[in-house]
Every structure is written in C-alpha cells, then in structure tokens.
Amino acid sequence: MASVVKINVLTVPAEQREELERRFASRAGAVEGQDGFELLRPVEGTDTYLVYTRWRSEEDFQNWMRGSMRQAHGGSGGEGRKPAASGSELWSFEVVQQAAPVRGDRPA
C-alpha cells in the first residue's frame, strides 16, 4: 500500500500570519503524530502557506478528517473565530518513489 501526501494550500493575508502560526502551535499535537507534518511559511513573493502531511494510506487520512481534525478545529467553527486563511485548496499525491536520508559519516 502506497503512502499519500496531502498539501493544504492556505492563502493567508500578511496581517493574519502570526495568528495562523499561533493557532497551529496551540493545536496540541493534533496531526504531528502522523508520519509527516510540516507547516511551511512563505519566504517571499506569495501569501501562500503550505501544510504538508504524509499518511500511510488514504483511509488513515479520511479517518483523521472524520475524527481528530474536527476536534483540532473545534468542530466546524474553531471556537467561533474567523479563519486566519482567506482561501484553502487541498492537493493530493501518492508517493511512488522516495529516498531515505543518508546515515553515517559524510565527507566534509
């Protein structure tokens, strides 16, 4: 069974960046226990954040969506707060090839 990658593409206005990052930091590990999780902040030229997650299967992702994700986002509205992102799009990928990190001594 191939693993899958989900990338949530979030459009975040500059004035909401700190709020978005604060909210992710306060989620108390809602997705960090999965095979992979990264919140990627844009460096220049875009207002798009990427939320990268890796899952053992599509089924694992769907189970998270039905359970832990809803809890992490406070049901439907997230404590009555407006979203920090002004737009969202979900990209889905199946992992077909990967390389493990090189272990051991490396030449300087």
Protein backbone atom coordinates (compact mmCIF):
# COMPACT_ATOMS: atom_id res chain seq x y z
CA MET A 1 0.00 0.00 0.00
CA ALA A 2 1.47 3.35 -1.07
CA SER A 3 1.57 6.26 1.32
CA VAL A 4 -0.17 9.50 0.41
CA VAL A 5 0.73 13.15 0.82
CA LYS A 6 -1.82 15.89 1.39
CA ILE A 7 -0.85 19.52 0.98
CA ASN A 8 -3.30 22.10 2.24
CA VAL A 9 -2.61 25.33 0.36
CA LEU A 10 -3.66 28.28 2.54
CA THR A 11 -3.89 31.87 1.34
CA VAL A 12 -3.02 33.97 4.40
CA PRO A 13 -3.02 37.78 4.36
CA ALA A 14 0.10 39.31 5.93
CA GLU A 15 -1.85 40.61 8.93
CA GLN A 16 -3.07 37.06 9.73
CA ARG A 17 0.28 35.20 9.53
CA GLU A 18 1.10 35.40 13.24
CA GLU A 19 -2.45 34.30 14.11
CA LEU A 20 -2.27 31.28 11.76
CA GLU A 21 1.07 30.19 13.22
CA ARG A 22 -0.19 30.69 16.78
CA ARG A 23 -3.25 28.56 16.08
CA PHE A 24 -1.14 25.74 14.64
CA ALA A 25 1.20 25.90 17.63
CA SER A 26 -1.73 25.62 20.07
CA ARG A 27 -3.32 22.54 18.50
CA ALA A 28 -1.56 20.24 20.98
CA GLY A 29 -0.26 17.65 18.52
CA ALA A 30 -3.47 17.06 16.56
CA VAL A 31 -1.58 15.91 13.46
CA GLU A 32 2.09 15.87 14.47
CA GLY A 33 1.83 12.19 15.45
CA GLN A 34 1.34 11.20 11.82
CA ASP A 35 4.16 10.03 9.55
CA GLY A 36 4.88 13.56 8.42
CA PHE A 37 3.71 17.07 9.25
CA GLU A 38 5.18 20.43 8.29
CA LEU A 39 3.79 23.95 8.29
CA LEU A 40 5.67 25.87 5.60
CA ARG A 41 5.81 29.68 5.80
CA PRO A 42 6.29 31.62 2.56
CA VAL A 43 9.61 33.41 2.32
CA GLU A 44 8.99 35.87 -0.49
CA GLY A 45 6.60 36.72 -3.30
CA THR A 46 3.50 34.89 -2.05
CA ASP A 47 0.91 34.85 0.70
CA THR A 48 0.53 31.08 0.50
CA TYR A 49 1.31 28.75 3.40
CA LEU A 50 1.61 25.01 2.77
CA VAL A 51 0.55 22.41 5.33
CA TYR A 52 2.29 19.15 4.39
CA THR A 53 1.10 15.86 5.86
CA ARG A 54 2.07 12.32 4.97
CA TRP A 55 -0.22 9.36 5.67
CA ARG A 56 0.20 5.59 5.49
CA SER A 57 -2.99 5.41 3.40
CA GLU A 58 -5.92 7.44 2.09
CA GLU A 59 -8.03 5.63 4.67
CA ASP A 60 -5.80 6.94 7.52
CA PHE A 61 -6.24 10.49 6.19
CA GLN A 62 -10.02 10.12 5.90
CA ASN A 63 -10.21 8.72 9.46
CA TRP A 64 -8.25 11.73 10.71
CA MET A 65 -10.58 14.08 8.79
CA ARG A 66 -13.62 12.48 10.45
CA GLY A 67 -12.12 12.44 13.95
CA SER A 68 -9.03 14.31 15.14
CA MET A 69 -9.21 17.07 12.51
CA ARG A 70 -12.71 18.06 13.61
CA GLN A 71 -11.55 18.16 17.24
CA ALA A 72 -8.46 20.21 16.34
CA HIS A 73 -10.61 22.76 14.52
CA GLY A 74 -13.25 22.91 17.25
CA GLY A 75 -15.97 21.12 15.32
CA SER A 76 -16.96 23.39 12.46
CA GLY A 77 -16.08 26.91 13.53
CA GLY A 78 -12.99 26.67 15.71
CA GLU A 79 -14.15 28.41 18.91
CA GLY A 80 -16.25 30.93 16.96
CA ARG A 81 -13.17 32.59 15.45
CA LYS A 82 -12.99 33.56 11.83
CA PRO A 83 -10.45 31.61 9.77
CA ALA A 84 -6.92 33.04 9.60
CA ALA A 85 -6.70 31.97 5.95
CA SER A 86 -8.75 33.68 3.28
CA GLY A 87 -8.66 30.63 1.00
CA SER A 88 -7.80 26.95 1.04
CA GLU A 89 -7.16 24.22 -1.51
CA LEU A 90 -6.21 20.58 -0.91
CA TRP A 91 -3.67 18.86 -3.15
CA SER A 92 -3.37 15.05 -3.01
CA PHE A 93 -0.43 12.90 -4.09
CA GLU A 94 0.51 9.23 -3.95
CA VAL A 95 4.15 8.52 -3.10
CA VAL A 96 5.68 6.48 -5.92
CA GLN A 97 9.36 6.89 -5.05
CA GLN A 98 11.35 8.11 -2.09
CA ALA A 99 14.91 8.13 -0.77
CA ALA A 100 15.91 7.63 2.85
CA PRO A 101 18.36 10.06 4.46
CA VAL A 102 22.00 9.02 4.20
CA ARG A 103 23.28 7.72 7.53
CA GLY A 104 26.85 7.51 8.78
CA ASP A 105 29.93 9.58 8.08
CA ARG A 106 29.86 12.06 5.27
CA PRO A 107 32.86 13.79 3.77
CA ALA A 108 33.16 17.42 4.90
